[in-house]
């Protein structure tokens, strides 16, 4: 039985000889399908150029509590300024999905009170000049990261980083000291 005689009685579908594509059955629908594919291609192509919209940093809390220096790359970092200020000095940069959190909750409280109980004390965060914060790192309130430190991917910073070096782990600790070269990199305080 060949392809031409495969249609049954009462079947209004057309049958075509082998080798001809199915989309020939309804040329109007085919044109719409091709147009949809073209639109999807254009959207996908434009997303590559619009990456800066996808990587916009997120701020939770008052705007005036986030201070950012010159040439800082924030990528899509999340900043919580509810319980303190965050200062990011010149030339610091962040990898993907970093969090800088001044806020927290009091674990000694229970039920609804736990949701609203804020930590006491200084929750300000200072990120020094030229600091590199790796992807997925979390910096908790009340810490200062010195100039030129490197925070490894996935690290959780719970204490201040007082000397230039690589800090990694949960909680983070100094893995290797770094000696910044000469006067070119000396700290000139901004924000």
Protein backbone atom coordinates (compact mmCIF):
# COMPACT_ATOMS: atom_id res chain seq x y z
CA UNK A 1 0.00 0.00 0.00
CA UNK A 2 1.51 3.33 -0.98
CA UNK A 3 1.23 6.64 0.86
CA UNK A 4 -1.40 8.01 -1.53
CA UNK A 5 -3.95 5.32 -0.76
CA UNK A 6 -3.48 5.42 3.02
CA UNK A 7 -6.37 7.87 3.63
CA UNK A 8 -9.55 6.17 4.85
CA UNK A 9 -13.17 7.02 4.02
CA UNK A 10 -14.37 10.09 5.87
CA UNK A 11 -10.78 11.16 6.64
CA UNK A 12 -10.36 14.69 5.37
CA UNK A 13 -6.60 14.73 5.96
CA UNK A 14 -4.56 14.92 2.82
CA UNK A 15 -1.89 12.37 2.19
CA UNK A 16 1.24 13.10 0.24
CA UNK A 17 3.71 10.87 -1.43
CA UNK A 18 6.79 9.92 0.56
CA UNK A 19 9.54 12.48 0.75
CA UNK A 20 7.35 15.55 1.12
CA UNK A 21 7.39 17.12 4.59
CA UNK A 22 4.30 17.17 6.79
CA UNK A 23 4.26 20.99 7.01
CA UNK A 24 3.09 21.14 3.38
CA UNK A 25 -0.36 20.14 4.60
CA UNK A 26 -1.09 23.61 5.98
CA UNK A 27 1.22 26.31 4.62
CA UNK A 28 -0.38 29.06 6.76
CA UNK A 29 0.36 27.20 9.99
CA UNK A 30 3.89 26.54 8.76
CA UNK A 31 4.54 30.24 8.23
CA UNK A 32 3.33 30.97 11.77
CA UNK A 33 5.61 28.26 13.16
CA UNK A 34 8.61 29.70 11.31
CA UNK A 35 7.76 33.20 12.57
CA UNK A 36 7.55 31.89 16.17
CA UNK A 37 10.96 30.26 15.76
CA UNK A 38 12.38 33.54 14.45
CA UNK A 39 10.96 35.47 17.42
CA UNK A 40 12.40 32.93 19.86
CA UNK A 41 15.78 33.22 18.13
CA UNK A 42 15.68 37.02 18.36
CA UNK A 43 14.70 36.87 22.05
CA UNK A 44 17.47 34.39 22.83
CA UNK A 45 19.95 36.46 20.84
CA UNK A 46 18.93 39.67 22.65
CA UNK A 47 19.21 38.00 26.08
CA UNK A 48 22.92 37.60 25.44
CA UNK A 49 23.20 41.35 24.97
CA UNK A 50 20.91 42.16 27.90
CA UNK A 51 22.85 40.17 30.50
CA UNK A 52 23.28 43.23 32.69
CA UNK A 53 19.54 43.22 33.44
CA UNK A 54 19.71 39.62 34.63
CA UNK A 55 22.73 40.36 36.82
CA UNK A 56 21.36 43.40 38.61
CA UNK A 57 22.28 43.53 42.31
CA UNK A 58 19.42 43.33 44.81
CA UNK A 59 19.06 45.66 47.78
CA UNK A 60 16.82 44.89 50.74
CA UNK A 61 16.60 47.82 53.14
CA UNK A 62 17.29 51.56 53.03
CA UNK A 63 19.23 52.71 49.94
CA UNK A 64 21.33 55.23 51.85
CA UNK A 65 22.95 52.45 53.91
CA UNK A 66 24.78 51.00 50.88
CA UNK A 67 27.94 52.91 49.97
CA UNK A 68 29.84 51.81 46.87
CA UNK A 69 33.24 53.07 45.69
CA UNK A 70 34.69 53.52 42.19
CA UNK A 71 34.93 50.68 39.65
CA UNK A 72 33.06 48.20 41.84
CA UNK A 73 31.52 45.16 40.11
CA UNK A 74 28.45 43.98 42.05
CA UNK A 75 27.09 41.44 39.53
CA UNK A 76 23.90 39.95 41.05
CA UNK A 77 24.90 40.23 44.72
CA UNK A 78 22.21 40.55 47.39
CA UNK A 79 22.65 43.32 49.98
CA UNK A 80 20.60 43.45 53.20
CA UNK A 81 20.91 46.86 54.87
CA UNK A 82 18.10 46.44 57.42
CA UNK A 83 20.33 46.44 60.54
CA UNK A 84 23.44 48.34 59.43
CA UNK A 85 25.42 49.97 56.67
CA UNK A 86 27.42 48.22 53.97
CA UNK A 87 30.50 49.95 52.57
CA UNK A 88 32.18 48.51 49.45
CA UNK A 89 35.43 50.31 48.64
CA UNK A 90 37.09 50.93 45.25
CA UNK A 91 37.82 48.06 42.84
CA UNK A 92 36.07 45.37 44.88
CA UNK A 93 34.18 42.80 42.83
CA UNK A 94 31.70 39.98 43.41
CA UNK A 95 31.05 36.64 41.74
CA UNK A 96 27.59 35.23 41.11
CA UNK A 97 25.00 34.85 43.90
CA UNK A 98 26.89 36.51 46.78
CA UNK A 99 25.08 37.76 49.88
CA UNK A 100 26.08 40.58 52.21
CA UNK A 101 23.75 40.48 55.21
CA UNK A 102 23.61 43.00 58.03
CA UNK A 103 20.36 41.51 59.28
CA UNK A 104 19.61 38.39 61.21
CA UNK A 105 17.23 36.94 63.72
CA UNK A 106 17.58 36.10 67.41
CA UNK A 107 17.59 32.31 67.74
CA UNK A 108 16.74 32.60 71.45
CA UNK A 109 13.25 33.86 70.57
CA UNK A 110 10.36 31.69 69.45
CA UNK A 111 7.32 31.86 67.16
CA UNK A 112 6.39 35.29 65.81
CA UNK A 113 8.90 37.04 68.08
CA UNK A 114 11.76 35.24 66.27
CA UNK A 115 10.65 36.77 62.97
CA UNK A 116 10.97 40.32 64.30
CA UNK A 117 13.74 40.12 66.92
CA UNK A 118 16.85 41.82 65.56
CA UNK A 119 20.42 41.21 66.69
CA UNK A 120 21.90 43.86 68.91
CA UNK A 121 25.26 45.52 68.43
CA UNK A 122 27.15 46.79 65.41
CA UNK A 123 26.04 44.97 62.26
CA UNK A 124 27.90 47.23 59.79
CA UNK A 125 29.97 45.58 57.07
CA UNK A 126 33.05 47.11 55.43
CA UNK A 127 34.51 45.46 52.33
CA UNK A 128 37.97 46.83 51.60
CA UNK A 129 39.61 48.09 48.45
CA UNK A 130 40.26 45.47 45.74
CA UNK A 131 38.50 42.64 47.60
CA UNK A 132 37.43 39.69 45.47
CA UNK A 133 34.31 37.94 46.78
CA UNK A 134 33.90 34.54 45.10
CA UNK A 135 30.61 33.14 43.82
CA UNK A 136 28.13 32.06 46.47
CA UNK A 137 30.03 33.64 49.36
CA UNK A 138 28.07 34.99 52.33
CA UNK A 139 29.30 37.90 54.45
CA UNK A 140 27.47 38.28 57.76
CA UNK A 141 26.97 41.46 59.81
CA UNK A 142 29.57 43.07 62.03
CA UNK A 143 32.66 42.21 59.95
CA UNK A 144 35.36 44.16 58.19
CA UNK A 145 37.29 42.68 55.28
CA UNK A 146 40.71 44.27 54.80
CA UNK A 147 42.00 45.61 51.49
CA UNK A 148 42.98 43.05 48.80
CA UNK A 149 41.55 40.01 50.59
CA UNK A 150 40.05 37.13 48.60
CA UNK A 151 36.88 35.46 49.87
CA UNK A 152 36.67 32.00 48.31
CA UNK A 153 33.56 30.71 46.57
CA UNK A 154 30.99 29.41 49.05
CA UNK A 155 32.77 30.85 52.10
CA UNK A 156 30.77 32.22 55.03
CA UNK A 157 32.50 35.19 56.65
CA UNK A 158 31.48 35.47 60.32
CA UNK A 159 34.55 37.32 61.68
CA UNK A 160 36.66 40.19 60.39
CA UNK A 161 39.43 39.42 57.90
CA UNK A 162 42.32 41.47 59.25
CA UNK A 163 45.16 40.74 56.83
CA UNK A 164 45.28 40.36 53.03
CA UNK A 165 44.89 36.71 52.15
CA UNK A 166 42.61 33.97 50.89
CA UNK A 167 39.74 33.17 53.25
CA UNK A 168 37.75 29.98 52.71
CA UNK A 169 35.43 27.60 54.54
CA UNK A 170 32.39 27.67 56.79
CA UNK A 171 33.12 29.69 58.85
CA UNK A 172 35.88 31.27 56.79
CA UNK A 173 39.47 31.21 57.98
CA UNK A 174 42.77 32.42 56.56
CA UNK A 175 44.12 29.78 54.16
CA UNK A 176 47.02 31.72 52.64
CA UNK A 177 48.45 35.20 53.26
CA UNK A 178 48.87 37.57 50.30
CA UNK A 179 51.48 40.31 50.17
CA UNK A 180 50.19 43.22 48.04
CA UNK A 181 52.98 44.79 45.97
CA UNK A 182 54.24 48.33 46.63
CA UNK A 183 52.65 51.72 47.06
CA UNK A 184 50.50 51.44 43.91
CA UNK A 185 47.94 49.44 45.89
CA UNK A 186 48.03 51.37 49.13
CA UNK A 187 44.65 52.21 50.58
CA UNK A 188 43.13 55.53 49.69
CA UNK A 189 39.87 55.49 51.58
CA UNK A 190 36.72 56.02 49.56
CA UNK A 191 33.07 55.96 50.64
